Amino acid sequence: MVRSRSVSPSRRPTNVTLPAQLLEEAKSLDLNISQACEQGLKSAIASIRAQQWLSENRASLEASRQYVEENGLPLADYRKF
């Protein structure tokens, strides 16, 4: 009897093309390639989202920086340190 691998409905199989040497090294280290790809993809997505956020909020961040430069920190008089 042949068992088919079940895939969770929230997960989808996909094909990934990798350099042969990289794939061989990963296999020799008993690395779970699916997990490594998932971690790398999550990291890449987080990096792009952070870049997008900075880009979208650049004007506000610059205005805040300029305000502090010209007026000092808000409530600075109440700081104990």
Protein backbone atom coordinates (compact mmCIF):
# COMPACT_ATOMS: atom_id res chain seq x y z
CA MET A 1 0.00 0.00 0.00
CA VAL A 2 1.42 3.37 -1.02
CA ARG A 3 0.88 6.21 1.38
CA SER A 4 0.44 9.65 -0.04
CA ARG A 5 1.79 12.56 1.91
CA SER A 6 -1.00 14.68 3.26
CA VAL A 7 -0.63 18.41 3.12
CA SER A 8 -2.45 20.70 5.50
CA PRO A 9 -5.08 22.86 3.77
CA SER A 10 -3.18 25.93 4.94
CA ARG A 11 0.02 24.72 3.24
CA ARG A 12 0.60 24.24 -0.48
CA PRO A 13 3.31 22.29 -2.25
CA THR A 14 5.52 24.27 -4.61
CA ASN A 15 8.57 23.78 -6.76
CA VAL A 16 11.78 25.61 -5.94
CA THR A 17 14.85 25.64 -8.15
CA LEU A 18 18.10 25.69 -6.19
CA PRO A 19 21.76 25.44 -7.17
CA ALA A 20 22.74 21.74 -7.12
CA GLN A 21 25.76 22.29 -4.87
CA LEU A 22 23.66 24.16 -2.31
CA LEU A 23 21.03 21.43 -2.33
CA GLU A 24 23.65 18.69 -1.92
CA GLU A 25 25.26 20.50 1.01
CA ALA A 26 21.88 21.01 2.69
CA LYS A 27 21.06 17.33 2.31
CA SER A 28 24.48 16.29 3.62
CA LEU A 29 23.78 18.36 6.74
CA ASP A 30 20.34 16.74 7.09
CA LEU A 31 18.74 20.16 6.75
CA ASN A 32 14.98 20.29 6.29
CA ILE A 33 14.87 22.18 3.01
CA SER A 34 11.18 23.08 3.26
CA GLN A 35 11.67 24.62 6.70
CA ALA A 36 14.82 26.45 5.58
CA CYS A 37 13.02 27.87 2.55
CA GLU A 38 10.06 28.88 4.70
CA GLN A 39 12.34 30.66 7.20
CA GLY A 40 14.21 32.41 4.39
CA LEU A 41 10.96 33.49 2.75
CA LYS A 42 9.60 34.82 6.05
CA SER A 43 12.82 36.77 6.56
CA ALA A 44 12.70 38.22 3.04
CA ILE A 45 9.04 39.22 3.46
CA ALA A 46 9.76 40.89 6.82
CA SER A 47 12.65 42.82 5.31
CA ILE A 48 10.58 44.06 2.37
CA ARG A 49 7.66 44.99 4.67
CA ALA A 50 10.05 46.98 6.89
CA GLN A 51 11.43 48.80 3.86
CA GLN A 52 7.89 49.55 2.67
CA TRP A 53 6.89 50.84 6.11
CA LEU A 54 9.92 53.14 6.25
CA SER A 55 9.18 54.40 2.76
CA GLU A 56 5.50 55.02 3.54
CA ASN A 57 6.29 56.78 6.82
CA ARG A 58 9.45 58.63 5.81
CA ALA A 59 7.76 62.05 5.74
CA SER A 60 6.29 61.61 9.24
CA LEU A 61 9.57 60.34 10.64
CA GLU A 62 11.44 63.26 9.11
CA ALA A 63 8.89 65.76 10.47
CA SER A 64 9.23 64.24 13.94
CA ARG A 65 13.03 64.33 13.74
CA GLN A 66 12.94 67.95 12.62
CA TYR A 67 10.53 68.91 15.43
CA VAL A 68 12.82 67.37 18.05
CA GLU A 69 15.83 69.05 16.48
CA GLU A 70 14.14 72.45 16.64
CA ASN A 71 12.18 72.10 19.91
CA GLY A 72 13.82 69.32 21.88
CA LEU A 73 12.12 66.23 23.17
CA PRO A 74 8.50 66.64 24.26
CA LEU A 75 8.23 66.45 28.05
CA ALA A 76 12.04 66.60 28.37
CA ASP A 77 11.67 68.82 31.44
CA TYR A 78 10.00 65.94 33.28
CA ARG A 79 12.73 63.35 32.61
CA LYS A 80 14.52 62.03 35.69
CA PHE A 81 17.56 60.71 33.79
